[in-house]
Amino acid sequence: MVKIFRIEGKILKSKREPIFFRREYKALKPEHALEQVYSEFGGLYKVKRSRIKILKIEEISPEEVTSNLVRALL
């Protein structure tokens, strides 16, 4: 059964204020959703995994989804 996870965190860029984010992903386990975060932001912002700090991972119900992309996949 595929679940939906909301991940909140921040990206630490050198000599800049952190960039905060909140994303939703469909995944089997929280570890899979976390891997998607590292892959997406590593490519987008060109930062290493150690510079991406995860603040919270939570499983959410389909009714709580705010992302249009994830909602379309349901």
N, C-alpha and C. Protein backbone atom coordinates (compact mmCIF):
# COMPACT_ATOMS: atom_id res chain seq x y z
N MET A 1 0.84 -1.18 0.00
CA MET A 1 0.00 0.00 0.00
C MET A 1 0.89 1.25 0.00
N VAL A 2 0.69 2.10 -0.97
CA VAL A 2 1.47 3.33 -1.07
C VAL A 2 0.91 4.36 -0.09
N LYS A 3 1.80 5.04 0.61
CA LYS A 3 1.42 6.05 1.59
C LYS A 3 1.88 7.42 1.11
N ILE A 4 1.40 8.44 1.76
CA ILE A 4 1.79 9.81 1.43
C ILE A 4 2.52 10.39 2.64
N PHE A 5 3.69 10.96 2.39
CA PHE A 5 4.50 11.55 3.46
C PHE A 5 4.72 13.03 3.19
N ARG A 6 4.62 13.82 4.26
CA ARG A 6 4.96 15.24 4.18
C ARG A 6 6.30 15.41 4.90
N ILE A 7 7.24 16.02 4.20
CA ILE A 7 8.59 16.21 4.75
C ILE A 7 8.87 17.70 4.82
N GLU A 8 9.31 18.15 5.99
CA GLU A 8 9.69 19.54 6.20
C GLU A 8 11.17 19.58 6.56
N GLY A 9 11.85 20.60 6.07
CA GLY A 9 13.27 20.71 6.37
C GLY A 9 13.84 22.01 5.89
N LYS A 10 15.18 22.07 5.89
CA LYS A 10 15.85 23.27 5.42
C LYS A 10 17.12 22.88 4.68
N ILE A 11 17.50 23.76 3.76
CA ILE A 11 18.72 23.58 2.98
C ILE A 11 19.70 24.64 3.42
N LEU A 12 20.89 24.21 3.81
CA LEU A 12 21.91 25.13 4.30
C LEU A 12 22.88 25.45 3.17
N LYS A 13 22.76 26.63 2.63
CA LYS A 13 23.69 27.10 1.60
C LYS A 13 24.76 27.95 2.30
N SER A 14 25.97 27.93 1.81
CA SER A 14 27.05 28.66 2.45
C SER A 14 26.81 30.17 2.38
N LYS A 15 27.00 30.84 3.50
CA LYS A 15 26.91 32.30 3.63
C LYS A 15 25.54 32.85 3.25
N ARG A 16 24.51 32.05 3.40
CA ARG A 16 23.15 32.50 3.11
C ARG A 16 22.22 31.99 4.20
N GLU A 17 21.07 32.60 4.30
CA GLU A 17 20.07 32.09 5.22
C GLU A 17 19.55 30.76 4.69
N PRO A 18 19.11 29.87 5.58
CA PRO A 18 18.61 28.57 5.11
C PRO A 18 17.34 28.72 4.29
N ILE A 19 17.14 27.79 3.38
CA ILE A 19 15.94 27.74 2.55
C ILE A 19 15.04 26.66 3.15
N PHE A 20 13.87 27.06 3.64
CA PHE A 20 12.93 26.12 4.24
C PHE A 20 12.01 25.54 3.17
N PHE A 21 11.63 24.27 3.34
CA PHE A 21 10.75 23.63 2.37
C PHE A 21 9.78 22.69 3.06
N ARG A 22 8.67 22.42 2.36
CA ARG A 22 7.68 21.43 2.77
C ARG A 22 7.20 20.76 1.49
N ARG A 23 7.40 19.45 1.40
CA ARG A 23 7.04 18.70 0.19
C ARG A 23 6.27 17.45 0.58
N GLU A 24 5.47 16.97 -0.35
CA GLU A 24 4.70 15.74 -0.17
C GLU A 24 5.10 14.74 -1.24
N TYR A 25 5.24 13.48 -0.82
CA TYR A 25 5.67 12.43 -1.74
C TYR A 25 4.86 11.17 -1.49
N LYS A 26 4.61 10.41 -2.57
CA LYS A 26 4.05 9.07 -2.45
C LYS A 26 5.21 8.10 -2.35
N ALA A 27 5.17 7.22 -1.35
CA ALA A 27 6.24 6.25 -1.16
C ALA A 27 5.73 5.10 -0.30
N LEU A 28 6.48 4.01 -0.31
CA LEU A 28 6.13 2.86 0.51
C LEU A 28 6.56 3.05 1.96
N LYS A 29 7.74 3.65 2.15
CA LYS A 29 8.29 3.86 3.48
C LYS A 29 8.83 5.28 3.59
N PRO A 30 8.98 5.80 4.82
CA PRO A 30 9.54 7.14 4.99
C PRO A 30 10.95 7.26 4.40
N GLU A 31 11.71 6.18 4.43
CA GLU A 31 13.06 6.21 3.88
C GLU A 31 13.05 6.46 2.37
N HIS A 32 12.05 5.94 1.68
CA HIS A 32 11.94 6.14 0.23
C HIS A 32 11.60 7.60 -0.07
N ALA A 33 10.71 8.19 0.71
CA ALA A 33 10.36 9.60 0.52
C ALA A 33 11.56 10.48 0.82
N LEU A 34 12.33 10.13 1.82
CA LEU A 34 13.53 10.89 2.18
C LEU A 34 14.56 10.84 1.05
N GLU A 35 14.69 9.70 0.42
CA GLU A 35 15.61 9.57 -0.72
C GLU A 35 15.18 10.47 -1.88
N GLN A 36 13.87 10.61 -2.08
CA GLN A 36 13.37 11.50 -3.13
C GLN A 36 13.71 12.95 -2.82
N VAL A 37 13.65 13.33 -1.54
CA VAL A 37 14.02 14.70 -1.13
C VAL A 37 15.48 14.95 -1.45
N TYR A 38 16.35 14.05 -1.03
CA TYR A 38 17.78 14.23 -1.28
C TYR A 38 18.08 14.31 -2.78
N SER A 39 17.43 13.49 -3.55
CA SER A 39 17.65 13.49 -4.99
C SER A 39 17.17 14.79 -5.63
N GLU A 40 15.96 15.22 -5.26
CA GLU A 40 15.39 16.43 -5.86
C GLU A 40 16.19 17.68 -5.50
N PHE A 41 16.44 17.88 -4.23
CA PHE A 41 17.11 19.11 -3.82
C PHE A 41 18.61 19.09 -4.09
N GLY A 42 19.21 17.91 -4.10
CA GLY A 42 20.62 17.82 -4.48
C GLY A 42 20.83 18.27 -5.91
N GLY A 43 19.92 17.90 -6.78
CA GLY A 43 20.01 18.30 -8.18
C GLY A 43 19.59 19.74 -8.42
N LEU A 44 18.56 20.18 -7.71
CA LEU A 44 18.02 21.51 -7.91
C LEU A 44 18.93 22.61 -7.36
N TYR A 45 19.44 22.40 -6.14
CA TYR A 45 20.26 23.42 -5.48
C TYR A 45 21.75 23.09 -5.46
N LYS A 46 22.12 21.95 -6.01
CA LYS A 46 23.52 21.53 -6.06
C LYS A 46 24.16 21.49 -4.66
N VAL A 47 23.45 20.87 -3.71
CA VAL A 47 23.98 20.74 -2.35
C VAL A 47 24.15 19.26 -2.02
N LYS A 48 25.07 18.99 -1.12
CA LYS A 48 25.29 17.62 -0.66
C LYS A 48 24.21 17.24 0.33
N ARG A 49 24.06 15.94 0.53
CA ARG A 49 23.04 15.45 1.45
C ARG A 49 23.24 15.96 2.87
N SER A 50 24.48 16.16 3.26
CA SER A 50 24.75 16.63 4.61
C SER A 50 24.29 18.07 4.83
N ARG A 51 24.04 18.82 3.76
CA ARG A 51 23.57 20.21 3.87
C ARG A 51 22.04 20.31 3.85
N ILE A 52 21.35 19.17 3.70
CA ILE A 52 19.89 19.14 3.74
C ILE A 52 19.49 18.58 5.10
N LYS A 53 18.85 19.40 5.92
CA LYS A 53 18.45 19.01 7.26
C LYS A 53 16.94 18.77 7.30
N ILE A 54 16.56 17.57 7.70
CA ILE A 54 15.16 17.20 7.77
C ILE A 54 14.65 17.53 9.17
N LEU A 55 13.57 18.30 9.24
CA LEU A 55 12.99 18.69 10.52
C LEU A 55 11.85 17.77 10.94
N LYS A 56 11.06 17.31 9.97
CA LYS A 56 9.91 16.48 10.32
C LYS A 56 9.47 15.64 9.13
N ILE A 57 9.15 14.37 9.41
CA ILE A 57 8.55 13.48 8.42
C ILE A 57 7.27 12.93 9.04
N GLU A 58 6.15 13.10 8.34
CA GLU A 58 4.90 12.57 8.87
C GLU A 58 4.08 11.95 7.76
N GLU A 59 3.36 10.89 8.11
CA GLU A 59 2.45 10.27 7.16
C GLU A 59 1.13 11.02 7.24
N ILE A 60 0.57 11.34 6.08
CA ILE A 60 -0.68 12.09 6.05
C ILE A 60 -1.74 11.31 5.27
N SER A 61 -2.98 11.66 5.50
CA SER A 61 -4.09 11.01 4.79
C SER A 61 -4.29 11.69 3.44
N PRO A 62 -4.93 11.02 2.50
CA PRO A 62 -5.17 11.63 1.18
C PRO A 62 -5.97 12.93 1.25
N GLU A 63 -6.79 13.11 2.27
CA GLU A 63 -7.57 14.34 2.42
C GLU A 63 -6.69 15.54 2.80
N GLU A 64 -5.54 15.30 3.39
CA GLU A 64 -4.66 16.37 3.84
C GLU A 64 -3.67 16.84 2.78
N VAL A 65 -3.67 16.20 1.63
CA VAL A 65 -2.69 16.51 0.58
C VAL A 65 -2.96 17.92 0.03
N THR A 66 -1.90 18.73 -0.07
CA THR A 66 -2.01 20.07 -0.63
C THR A 66 -1.33 20.18 -1.98
N SER A 67 -0.45 19.26 -2.31
CA SER A 67 0.26 19.27 -3.58
C SER A 67 -0.65 18.79 -4.71
N ASN A 68 -0.78 19.62 -5.76
CA ASN A 68 -1.61 19.24 -6.89
C ASN A 68 -1.06 18.03 -7.63
N LEU A 69 0.25 17.90 -7.69
CA LEU A 69 0.87 16.77 -8.37
C LEU A 69 0.54 15.46 -7.65
N VAL A 70 0.69 15.43 -6.34
CA VAL A 70 0.40 14.22 -5.58
C VAL A 70 -1.09 13.93 -5.63
N ARG A 71 -1.91 14.96 -5.56
CA ARG A 71 -3.37 14.77 -5.63
C ARG A 71 -3.78 14.15 -6.96
N ALA A 72 -3.12 14.53 -8.04
CA ALA A 72 -3.44 13.99 -9.36
C ALA A 72 -3.06 12.51 -9.43
N LEU A 73 -2.07 12.09 -8.67
CA LEU A 73 -1.62 10.70 -8.70
C LEU A 73 -2.49 9.77 -7.85
N LEU A 74 -3.37 10.35 -7.03
CA LEU A 74 -4.21 9.52 -6.15
C LEU A 74 -5.33 8.89 -6.89
